Amino acid sequence: MPRRPEGGRDGGRAAKQRPPPRRHLYLVTEDWAEGYSIRKVDLAVDNLADTDEPEPEPRRLPPAVLRLEAPHNGPPHFAAAFGTKILFLQLTPWRYAPVFDVRTGCLTFGPRTERIPAAPIYVPLAGDSLFRLDFGRFETLGAPPPPRDFEPTWADEFPEWSWRRLPTPPFARQLVTSHAVHPDGRTFFVSVRVEGRDAAGNTFTFDTGAADDPGWTCHRGWRLPFKGPAHYDQKLGAWVGLTDDPATVGHLCSCEAPSIDDGGCWKPPAWKLSK
């Protein structure tokens, strides 16, 4: 029998490095008359910067991994992915919201809701945490109950997956101009305009990790320069989003995330507008 080449299974071969996990983007598209589709887009793109190869041909969207029949109520009625789940606000007759798990490919039902949110702002945090800001209320989605490992009977009682009320925001939902999560992973920033005044507006923060009596803190005289949500980019060390200036509609801008520890959140952060 020939000998194994050096570096074989028994020859002290260096362990193979696992390739980095593939990244995917899940798009919710309003692409048919009766509802929505969720499509899984592979973000792996060949790096052609150092080659003479021509640009790749435009790619079509991949087939839908899930189609949901529902009225076209707009993007606010879909929660941004929290953990591996996407939550819909197209409620069933019993007010249970459908939840799609992108890891398992399964559709289940989330917690019951008292009423259909009018214009919800969904903010996911690290892990499976999800927060919802709407007119006159601020809520967090609790962890789902563990799966049952036995056949239930009519007399059994089980914990329910539910929303938990948090301190009511001291501002009106219709005045919100932008929002972002601080890189500390637990503090919300919500900017609002001030009606009937020439002031720049105000920014409110909420520390979701505060153990004792969490509440909203107002930082007057400034607001974030974004329209809608802003996302923190680790490489830039800044929030990135679309500008809210009518003169530069569609432009990206970046904004420094204020320091929470030294009180810097009381000062307007520096920001830049892209070309």
C-alpha atoms as a PDB file:
ATOM      1  CA  MET A   1       0.000   0.000   0.000  1.00  0.00           C
ATOM      2  CA  PRO A   2       1.499   3.382  -0.877  1.00  0.00           C
ATOM      3  CA  ARG A   3       2.259   5.765   1.952  1.00  0.00           C
ATOM      4  CA  ARG A   4       0.050   8.733   2.539  1.00  0.00           C
ATOM      5  CA  PRO A   5       1.612  11.922   1.244  1.00  0.00           C
ATOM      6  CA  GLU A   6       2.969  14.208   3.898  1.00  0.00           C
ATOM      7  CA  GLY A   7       0.270  16.403   5.280  1.00  0.00           C
ATOM      8  CA  GLY A   8      -2.392  13.698   4.845  1.00  0.00           C
ATOM      9  CA  ARG A   9      -5.047  12.829   7.352  1.00  0.00           C
ATOM     10  CA  ASP A  10      -2.485  11.296   9.749  1.00  0.00           C
ATOM     11  CA  GLY A  11       0.362  13.623   8.943  1.00  0.00           C
ATOM     12  CA  GLY A  12      -0.455  16.609  11.077  1.00  0.00           C
ATOM     13  CA  ARG A  13      -2.280  18.448   8.324  1.00  0.00           C
ATOM     14  CA  ALA A  14      -3.124  21.976   9.246  1.00  0.00           C
ATOM     15  CA  ALA A  15      -6.787  22.427   9.873  1.00  0.00           C
ATOM     16  CA  LYS A  16      -8.646  23.885   6.939  1.00  0.00           C
ATOM     17  CA  GLN A  17      -9.935  27.363   7.501  1.00  0.00           C
ATOM     18  CA  ARG A  18     -13.665  27.599   7.130  1.00  0.00           C
ATOM     19  CA  PRO A  19     -14.781  30.057   4.496  1.00  0.00           C
ATOM     20  CA  PRO A  20     -16.574  33.104   5.861  1.00  0.00           C
ATOM     21  CA  PRO A  21     -20.333  32.681   6.015  1.00  0.00           C
ATOM     22  CA  ARG A  22     -22.180  33.841   2.918  1.00  0.00           C
ATOM     23  CA  ARG A  23     -24.186  37.001   3.405  1.00  0.00           C
ATOM     24  CA  HIS A  24     -27.692  37.358   2.084  1.00  0.00           C
ATOM     25  CA  LEU A  25     -30.137  40.223   1.714  1.00  0.00           C
ATOM     26  CA  TYR A  26     -33.848  39.544   2.055  1.00  0.00           C
ATOM     27  CA  LEU A  27     -35.990  41.851  -0.062  1.00  0.00           C
ATOM     28  CA  VAL A  28     -39.703  42.314   0.543  1.00  0.00           C
ATOM     29  CA  THR A  29     -41.141  43.238  -2.856  1.00  0.00           C
ATOM     30  CA  GLU A  30     -44.628  44.433  -3.750  1.00  0.00           C
ATOM     31  CA  ASP A  31     -44.474  42.634  -7.078  1.00  0.00           C
ATOM     32  CA  TRP A  32     -47.880  41.057  -7.595  1.00  0.00           C
ATOM     33  CA  ALA A  33     -51.430  42.300  -7.329  1.00  0.00           C
ATOM     34  CA  GLU A  34     -52.484  40.177  -4.365  1.00  0.00           C
ATOM     35  CA  GLY A  35     -49.594  40.685  -1.958  1.00  0.00           C
ATOM     36  CA  TYR A  36     -45.855  40.536  -1.337  1.00  0.00           C
ATOM     37  CA  SER A  37     -42.852  38.323  -2.047  1.00  0.00           C
ATOM     38  CA  ILE A  38     -39.679  37.726  -0.047  1.00  0.00           C
ATOM     39  CA  ARG A  39     -36.573  37.118  -2.149  1.00  0.00           C
ATOM     40  CA  LYS A  40     -33.177  35.922  -0.941  1.00  0.00           C
ATOM     41  CA  VAL A  41     -30.295  37.741  -2.659  1.00  0.00           C
ATOM     42  CA  ASP A  42     -26.732  36.396  -2.391  1.00  0.00           C
ATOM     43  CA  LEU A  43     -24.381  39.293  -1.630  1.00  0.00           C
ATOM     44  CA  ALA A  44     -21.242  37.387  -2.712  1.00  0.00           C
ATOM     45  CA  VAL A  45     -19.852  39.388  -5.653  1.00  0.00           C
ATOM     46  CA  ASP A  46     -16.576  38.659  -7.426  1.00  0.00           C
ATOM     47  CA  ASN A  47     -13.978  41.366  -6.987  1.00  0.00           C
ATOM     48  CA  LEU A  48     -13.161  42.627 -10.479  1.00  0.00           C
ATOM     49  CA  ALA A  49     -11.235  45.693  -9.376  1.00  0.00           C
ATOM     50  CA  ASP A  50      -7.823  44.217 -10.286  1.00  0.00           C
ATOM     51  CA  THR A  51      -8.816  42.405 -13.468  1.00  0.00           C
ATOM     52  CA  ASP A  52      -9.495  43.339 -17.061  1.00  0.00           C
ATOM     53  CA  GLU A  53     -12.710  41.347 -17.193  1.00  0.00           C
ATOM     54  CA  PRO A  54     -15.816  43.224 -18.314  1.00  0.00           C
ATOM     55  CA  GLU A  55     -18.547  44.196 -15.904  1.00  0.00           C
ATOM     56  CA  PRO A  56     -20.972  41.336 -15.200  1.00  0.00           C
ATOM     57  CA  GLU A  57     -24.365  41.345 -16.843  1.00  0.00           C
ATOM     58  CA  PRO A  58     -27.264  42.633 -14.720  1.00  0.00           C
ATOM     59  CA  ARG A  59     -28.845  39.838 -12.726  1.00  0.00           C
ATOM     60  CA  ARG A  60     -32.520  39.163 -12.299  1.00  0.00           C
ATOM     61  CA  LEU A  61     -33.995  38.870  -8.853  1.00  0.00           C
ATOM     62  CA  PRO A  62     -34.016  35.283  -7.573  1.00  0.00           C
ATOM     63  CA  PRO A  63     -37.285  33.370  -7.209  1.00  0.00           C
ATOM     64  CA  ALA A  64     -39.410  34.163  -4.184  1.00  0.00           C
ATOM     65  CA  VAL A  65     -38.798  32.058  -1.077  1.00  0.00           C
ATOM     66  CA  LEU A  66     -42.189  33.104   0.313  1.00  0.00           C
ATOM     67  CA  ARG A  67     -45.280  34.829  -1.054  1.00  0.00           C
ATOM     68  CA  LEU A  68     -47.847  36.368   1.261  1.00  0.00           C
ATOM     69  CA  GLU A  69     -51.345  37.315   0.159  1.00  0.00           C
ATOM     70  CA  ALA A  70     -52.108  40.629   1.852  1.00  0.00           C
ATOM     71  CA  PRO A  71     -53.293  44.200   1.138  1.00  0.00           C
ATOM     72  CA  HIS A  72     -50.652  46.651  -0.049  1.00  0.00           C
ATOM     73  CA  ASN A  73     -50.277  48.692   3.126  1.00  0.00           C
ATOM     74  CA  GLY A  74     -46.679  49.702   2.516  1.00  0.00           C
ATOM     75  CA  PRO A  75     -43.216  49.003   3.965  1.00  0.00           C
ATOM     76  CA  PRO A  76     -44.035  50.100   7.550  1.00  0.00           C
ATOM     77  CA  HIS A  77     -46.121  46.953   7.884  1.00  0.00           C
ATOM     78  CA  PHE A  78     -43.066  44.735   7.767  1.00  0.00           C
ATOM     79  CA  ALA A  79     -40.609  44.577  10.649  1.00  0.00           C
ATOM     80  CA  ALA A  80     -36.923  44.721   9.872  1.00  0.00           C
ATOM     81  CA  ALA A  81     -35.350  41.332  10.440  1.00  0.00           C
ATOM     82  CA  PHE A  82     -34.726  40.697  14.127  1.00  0.00           C
ATOM     83  CA  GLY A  83     -32.526  37.697  14.719  1.00  0.00           C
ATOM     84  CA  THR A  84     -33.548  35.373  11.869  1.00  0.00           C
ATOM     85  CA  LYS A  85     -37.192  36.462  11.693  1.00  0.00           C
ATOM     86  CA  ILE A  86     -39.300  38.866   9.640  1.00  0.00           C
ATOM     87  CA  LEU A  87     -42.639  39.876  11.165  1.00  0.00           C
ATOM     88  CA  PHE A  88     -45.671  40.896   9.082  1.00  0.00           C
ATOM     89  CA  LEU A  89     -48.491  43.117  10.227  1.00  0.00           C
ATOM     90  CA  GLN A  90     -51.062  41.468   7.974  1.00  0.00           C
ATOM     91  CA  LEU A  91     -53.001  40.071  10.905  1.00  0.00           C
ATOM     92  CA  THR A  92     -55.135  36.951  10.857  1.00  0.00           C
ATOM     93  CA  PRO A  93     -58.772  37.187  12.072  1.00  0.00           C
ATOM     94  CA  TRP A  94     -57.507  36.283  15.558  1.00  0.00           C
ATOM     95  CA  ARG A  95     -54.927  39.118  15.427  1.00  0.00           C
ATOM     96  CA  TYR A  96     -51.902  36.847  15.233  1.00  0.00           C
ATOM     97  CA  ALA A  97     -49.111  38.250  13.048  1.00  0.00           C
ATOM     98  CA  PRO A  98     -47.323  35.894  10.610  1.00  0.00           C
ATOM     99  CA  VAL A  99     -43.576  35.479  11.228  1.00  0.00           C
ATOM    100  CA  PHE A 100     -41.153  34.082   8.648  1.00  0.00           C
ATOM    101  CA  ASP A 101     -37.879  32.529   9.854  1.00  0.00           C
ATOM    102  CA  VAL A 102     -35.224  32.930   7.144  1.00  0.00           C
ATOM    103  CA  ARG A 103     -32.997  30.262   8.726  1.00  0.00           C
ATOM    104  CA  THR A 104     -35.557  27.458   8.860  1.00  0.00           C
ATOM    105  CA  GLY A 105     -37.725  28.666   5.970  1.00  0.00           C
ATOM    106  CA  CYS A 106     -40.812  28.161   8.145  1.00  0.00           C
ATOM    107  CA  LEU A 107     -43.838  30.389   8.587  1.00  0.00           C
ATOM    108  CA  THR A 108     -45.324  30.618  12.069  1.00  0.00           C
ATOM    109  CA  PHE A 109     -47.491  33.062  14.007  1.00  0.00           C
ATOM    110  CA  GLY A 110     -46.282  35.737  16.357  1.00  0.00           C
ATOM    111  CA  PRO A 111     -47.938  37.297  19.376  1.00  0.00           C
ATOM    112  CA  ARG A 112     -51.448  38.683  19.392  1.00  0.00           C
ATOM    113  CA  THR A 113     -51.744  42.439  19.138  1.00  0.00           C
ATOM    114  CA  GLU A 114     -54.416  44.696  20.601  1.00  0.00           C
ATOM    115  CA  ARG A 115     -54.754  46.780  17.464  1.00  0.00           C
ATOM    116  CA  ILE A 116     -53.148  47.191  14.068  1.00  0.00           C
ATOM    117  CA  PRO A 117     -50.343  49.782  14.404  1.00  0.00           C
ATOM    118  CA  ALA A 118     -51.000  52.890  12.329  1.00  0.00           C
ATOM    119  CA  ALA A 119     -47.461  53.922  11.358  1.00  0.00           C
ATOM    120  CA  PRO A 120     -45.038  51.702  13.290  1.00  0.00           C
ATOM    121  CA  ILE A 121     -41.291  52.238  13.504  1.00  0.00           C
ATOM    122  CA  TYR A 122     -39.562  48.896  14.075  1.00  0.00           C
ATOM    123  CA  VAL A 123     -36.102  48.873  15.617  1.00  0.00           C
ATOM    124  CA  PRO A 124     -34.240  45.549  15.951  1.00  0.00           C
ATOM    125  CA  LEU A 125     -31.376  45.210  18.408  1.00  0.00           C
ATOM    126  CA  ALA A 126     -28.675  42.577  18.778  1.00  0.00           C
ATOM    127  CA  GLY A 127     -30.021  39.071  19.148  1.00  0.00           C
ATOM    128  CA  ASP A 128     -33.773  38.654  18.828  1.00  0.00           C
ATOM    129  CA  SER A 129     -34.834  41.950  20.407  1.00  0.00           C
ATOM    130  CA  LEU A 130     -37.437  44.030  18.589  1.00  0.00           C
ATOM    131  CA  PHE A 131     -38.931  47.382  19.612  1.00  0.00           C
ATOM    132  CA  ARG A 132     -41.961  49.128  18.129  1.00  0.00           C
ATOM    133  CA  LEU A 133     -42.744  52.837  18.294  1.00  0.00           C
ATOM    134  CA  ASP A 134     -46.196  54.020  17.244  1.00  0.00           C
ATOM    135  CA  PHE A 135     -48.795  56.625  18.084  1.00  0.00           C
ATOM    136  CA  GLY A 136     -48.960  56.969  21.857  1.00  0.00           C
ATOM    137  CA  ARG A 137     -47.058  53.771  22.664  1.00  0.00           C
ATOM    138  CA  PHE A 138     -43.644  52.163  22.804  1.00  0.00           C
ATOM    139  CA  GLU A 139     -43.350  48.370  23.094  1.00  0.00           C
ATOM    140  CA  THR A 140     -40.839  45.543  23.066  1.00  0.00           C
ATOM    141  CA  LEU A 141     -41.430  42.024  21.819  1.00  0.00           C
ATOM    142  CA  GLY A 142     -40.654  39.416  24.451  1.00  0.00           C
ATOM    143  CA  ALA A 143     -38.778  36.205  23.749  1.00  0.00           C
ATOM    144  CA  PRO A 144     -40.912  33.439  22.210  1.00  0.00           C
ATOM    145  CA  PRO A 145     -41.874  30.643  24.598  1.00  0.00           C
ATOM    146  CA  PRO A 146     -39.881  27.396  24.317  1.00  0.00           C
ATOM    147  CA  PRO A 147     -41.328  24.670  22.077  1.00  0.00           C
ATOM    148  CA  ARG A 148     -43.618  22.162  23.728  1.00  0.00           C
ATOM    149  CA  ASP A 149     -42.172  18.681  24.037  1.00  0.00           C
ATOM    150  CA  PHE A 150     -45.458  16.921  24.785  1.00  0.00           C
ATOM    151  CA  GLU A 151     -49.017  16.757  23.473  1.00  0.00           C
ATOM    152  CA  PRO A 152     -51.042  19.477  25.208  1.00  0.00           C
ATOM    153  CA  THR A 153     -54.535  18.997  26.595  1.00  0.00           C
ATOM    154  CA  TRP A 154     -57.371  21.469  27.021  1.00  0.00           C
ATOM    155  CA  ALA A 155     -56.434  22.012  30.674  1.00  0.00           C
ATOM    156  CA  ASP A 156     -52.797  22.943  30.015  1.00  0.00           C
ATOM    157  CA  GLU A 157     -51.715  26.577  30.191  1.00  0.00           C
ATOM    158  CA  PHE A 158     -48.696  27.901  28.338  1.00  0.00           C
ATOM    159  CA  PRO A 159     -46.877  31.224  28.312  1.00  0.00           C
ATOM    160  CA  GLU A 160     -47.776  33.390  25.319  1.00  0.00           C
ATOM    161  CA  TRP A 161     -45.520  35.363  23.046  1.00  0.00           C
ATOM    162  CA  SER A 162     -46.465  38.965  23.726  1.00  0.00           C
ATOM    163  CA  TRP A 163     -45.622  42.660  23.453  1.00  0.00           C
ATOM    164  CA  ARG A 164     -44.666  44.542  26.621  1.00  0.00           C
ATOM    165  CA  ARG A 165     -45.471  48.225  27.082  1.00  0.00           C
ATOM    166  CA  LEU A 166     -42.617  50.643  27.810  1.00  0.00           C
ATOM    167  CA  PRO A 167     -42.743  54.300  28.940  1.00  0.00           C
ATOM    168  CA  THR A 168     -44.873  56.345  26.546  1.00  0.00           C
ATOM    169  CA  PRO A 169     -42.777  58.641  24.319  1.00  0.00           C
ATOM    170  CA  PRO A 170     -42.999  62.360  25.255  1.00  0.00           C
ATOM    171  CA  PHE A 171     -43.424  63.315  21.580  1.00  0.00           C
ATOM    172  CA  ALA A 172     -45.952  62.743  18.814  1.00  0.00           C
ATOM    173  CA  ARG A 173     -45.266  59.961  16.320  1.00  0.00           C
ATOM    174  CA  GLN A 174     -46.114  62.214  13.350  1.00  0.00           C
ATOM    175  CA  LEU A 175     -43.277  64.580  14.340  1.00  0.00           C
ATOM    176  CA  VAL A 176     -40.535  61.924  14.117  1.00  0.00           C
ATOM    177  CA  THR A 177     -38.039  62.722  11.355  1.00  0.00           C
ATOM    178  CA  SER A 178     -35.337  60.109  11.932  1.00  0.00           C
ATOM    179  CA  HIS A 179     -34.150  57.406  14.283  1.00  0.00           C
ATOM    180  CA  ALA A 180     -31.040  55.311  14.890  1.00  0.00           C
ATOM    181  CA  VAL A 181     -29.504  52.839  17.332  1.00  0.00           C
ATOM    182  CA  HIS A 182     -26.306  53.893  19.086  1.00  0.00           C
ATOM    183  CA  PRO A 183     -23.272  51.603  18.553  1.00  0.00           C
ATOM    184  CA  ASP A 184     -23.565  50.622  22.215  1.00  0.00           C
ATOM    185  CA  GLY A 185     -26.384  48.384  20.953  1.00  0.00           C
ATOM    186  CA  ARG A 186     -28.978  49.487  23.481  1.00  0.00           C
ATOM    187  CA  THR A 187     -29.705  53.237  23.162  1.00  0.00           C
ATOM    188  CA  PHE A 188     -32.318  54.637  20.762  1.00  0.00           C
ATOM    189  CA  PHE A 189     -31.997  58.087  19.224  1.00  0.00           C
ATOM    190  CA  VAL A 190     -35.235  59.599  17.918  1.00  0.00           C
ATOM    191  CA  SER A 191     -35.285  63.066  16.365  1.00  0.00           C
ATOM    192  CA  VAL A 192     -38.467  65.148  16.096  1.00  0.00           C
ATOM    193  CA  ARG A 193     -39.338  68.470  14.531  1.00  0.00           C
ATOM    194  CA  VAL A 194     -40.871  71.249  16.629  1.00  0.00           C
ATOM    195  CA  GLU A 195     -44.108  72.618  15.248  1.00  0.00           C
ATOM    196  CA  GLY A 196     -44.609  76.355  15.004  1.00  0.00           C
ATOM    197  CA  ARG A 197     -41.004  77.243  15.800  1.00  0.00           C
ATOM    198  CA  ASP A 198     -37.813  77.995  13.910  1.00  0.00           C
ATOM    199  CA  ALA A 199     -35.799  75.700  16.164  1.00  0.00           C
ATOM    200  CA  ALA A 200     -33.865  72.836  14.631  1.00  0.00           C
ATOM    201  CA  GLY A 201     -35.866  70.336  16.641  1.00  0.00           C
ATOM    202  CA  ASN A 202     -35.129  67.968  19.484  1.00  0.00           C
ATOM    203  CA  THR A 203     -33.600  64.531  19.893  1.00  0.00           C
ATOM    204  CA  PHE A 204     -34.754  61.980  22.454  1.00  0.00           C
ATOM    205  CA  THR A 205     -32.807  58.986  23.725  1.00  0.00           C
ATOM    206  CA  PHE A 206     -34.000  55.825  25.434  1.00  0.00           C
ATOM    207  CA  ASP A 207     -31.657  53.361  27.133  1.00  0.00           C
ATOM    208  CA  THR A 208     -33.193  49.899  26.682  1.00  0.00           C
ATOM    209  CA  GLY A 209     -30.597  48.391  29.007  1.00  0.00           C
ATOM    210  CA  ALA A 210     -31.410  50.555  32.012  1.00  0.00           C
ATOM    211  CA  ALA A 211     -32.395  48.267  34.838  1.00  0.00           C
ATOM    212  CA  ASP A 212     -34.098  50.821  37.065  1.00  0.00           C
ATOM    213  CA  ASP A 213     -36.998  52.915  35.746  1.00  0.00           C
ATOM    214  CA  PRO A 214     -35.913  53.461  32.126  1.00  0.00           C
ATOM    215  CA  GLY A 215     -37.233  56.620  30.537  1.00  0.00           C
ATOM    216  CA  TRP A 216     -36.838  59.098  27.689  1.00  0.00           C
ATOM    217  CA  THR A 217     -34.248  61.889  27.844  1.00  0.00           C
ATOM    218  CA  CYS A 218     -34.637  65.057  25.761  1.00  0.00           C
ATOM    219  CA  HIS A 219     -31.646  66.790  24.122  1.00  0.00           C
ATOM    220  CA  ARG A 220     -32.926  70.123  22.866  1.00  0.00           C
ATOM    221  CA  GLY A 221     -31.892  72.249  19.925  1.00  0.00           C
ATOM    222  CA  TRP A 222     -30.668  69.634  17.442  1.00  0.00           C
ATOM    223  CA  ARG A 223     -31.743  66.568  15.533  1.00  0.00           C
ATOM    224  CA  LEU A 224     -30.145  63.929  13.361  1.00  0.00           C
ATOM    225  CA  PRO A 225     -29.625  64.975   9.713  1.00  0.00           C
ATOM    226  CA  PHE A 226     -31.465  61.961   8.292  1.00  0.00           C
ATOM    227  CA  LYS A 227     -34.876  61.240   6.852  1.00  0.00           C
ATOM    228  CA  GLY A 228     -36.104  57.961   8.298  1.00  0.00           C
ATOM    229  CA  PRO A 229     -33.743  55.315   9.679  1.00  0.00           C
ATOM    230  CA  ALA A 230     -29.964  55.565   9.883  1.00  0.00           C
ATOM    231  CA  HIS A 231     -27.661  52.564  10.208  1.00  0.00           C
ATOM    232  CA  TYR A 232     -24.314  52.403  11.982  1.00  0.00           C
ATOM    233  CA  ASP A 233     -21.363  51.415   9.796  1.00  0.00           C
ATOM    234  CA  GLN A 234     -18.496  49.845  11.733  1.00  0.00           C
ATOM    235  CA  LYS A 235     -15.840  50.739   9.148  1.00  0.00           C
ATOM    236  CA  LEU A 236     -16.846  54.388   8.979  1.00  0.00           C
ATOM    237  CA  GLY A 237     -17.549  54.640  12.691  1.00  0.00           C
ATOM    238  CA  ALA A 238     -20.658  56.678  11.874  1.00  0.00           C
ATOM    239  CA  TRP A 239     -24.360  56.503  11.116  1.00  0.00           C
ATOM    240  CA  VAL A 240     -25.289  56.515   7.440  1.00  0.00           C
ATOM    241  CA  GLY A 241     -28.659  57.390   5.917  1.00  0.00           C
ATOM    242  CA  LEU A 242     -30.525  59.638   3.493  1.00  0.00           C
ATOM    243  CA  THR A 243     -30.455  63.365   4.126  1.00  0.00           C
ATOM    244  CA  ASP A 244     -33.637  65.137   5.210  1.00  0.00           C
ATOM    245  CA  ASP A 245     -32.688  68.399   3.482  1.00  0.00           C
ATOM    246  CA  PRO A 246     -35.188  69.047   0.635  1.00  0.00           C
ATOM    247  CA  ALA A 247     -32.363  70.602  -1.416  1.00  0.00           C
ATOM    248  CA  THR A 248     -30.344  67.358  -1.386  1.00  0.00           C
ATOM    249  CA  VAL A 249     -33.050  64.709  -1.644  1.00  0.00           C
ATOM    250  CA  GLY A 250     -31.564  61.285  -2.340  1.00  0.00           C
ATOM    251  CA  HIS A 251     -28.058  62.118  -1.111  1.00  0.00           C
ATOM    252  CA  LEU A 252     -26.349  59.959   1.489  1.00  0.00           C
ATOM    253  CA  CYS A 253     -24.959  61.586   4.584  1.00  0.00           C
ATOM    254  CA  SER A 254     -22.971  60.347   7.549  1.00  0.00           C
ATOM    255  CA  CYS A 255     -23.097  61.471  11.153  1.00  0.00           C
ATOM    256  CA  GLU A 256     -20.892  60.804  14.146  1.00  0.00           C
ATOM    257  CA  ALA A 257     -22.504  58.822  16.933  1.00  0.00           C
ATOM    258  CA  PRO A 258     -22.316  60.939  20.109  1.00  0.00           C
ATOM    259  CA  SER A 259     -20.527  59.526  23.114  1.00  0.00           C
ATOM    260  CA  ILE A 260     -22.953  58.395  25.787  1.00  0.00           C
ATOM    261  CA  ASP A 261     -20.447  58.172  28.635  1.00  0.00           C
ATOM    262  CA  ASP A 262     -19.038  61.695  28.623  1.00  0.00           C
ATOM    263  CA  GLY A 263     -22.302  63.508  28.026  1.00  0.00           C
ATOM    264  CA  GLY A 264     -21.525  64.209  24.379  1.00  0.00           C
ATOM    265  CA  CYS A 265     -25.052  63.264  23.410  1.00  0.00           C
ATOM    266  CA  TRP A 266     -26.110  66.731  24.580  1.00  0.00           C
ATOM    267  CA  LYS A 267     -24.189  68.328  21.702  1.00  0.00           C
ATOM    268  CA  PRO A 268     -25.127  68.283  17.996  1.00  0.00           C
ATOM    269  CA  PRO A 269     -22.879  65.672  16.336  1.00  0.00           C
ATOM    270  CA  ALA A 270     -20.777  66.506  13.281  1.00  0.00           C
ATOM    271  CA  TRP A 271     -22.033  65.225   9.947  1.00  0.00           C
ATOM    272  CA  LYS A 272     -21.065  65.161   6.256  1.00  0.00           C
ATOM    273  CA  LEU A 273     -23.052  65.208   3.041  1.00  0.00           C
ATOM    274  CA  SER A 274     -22.008  63.041   0.095  1.00  0.00           C
ATOM    275  CA  LYS A 275     -21.701  64.290  -3.467  1.00  0.00           C
END
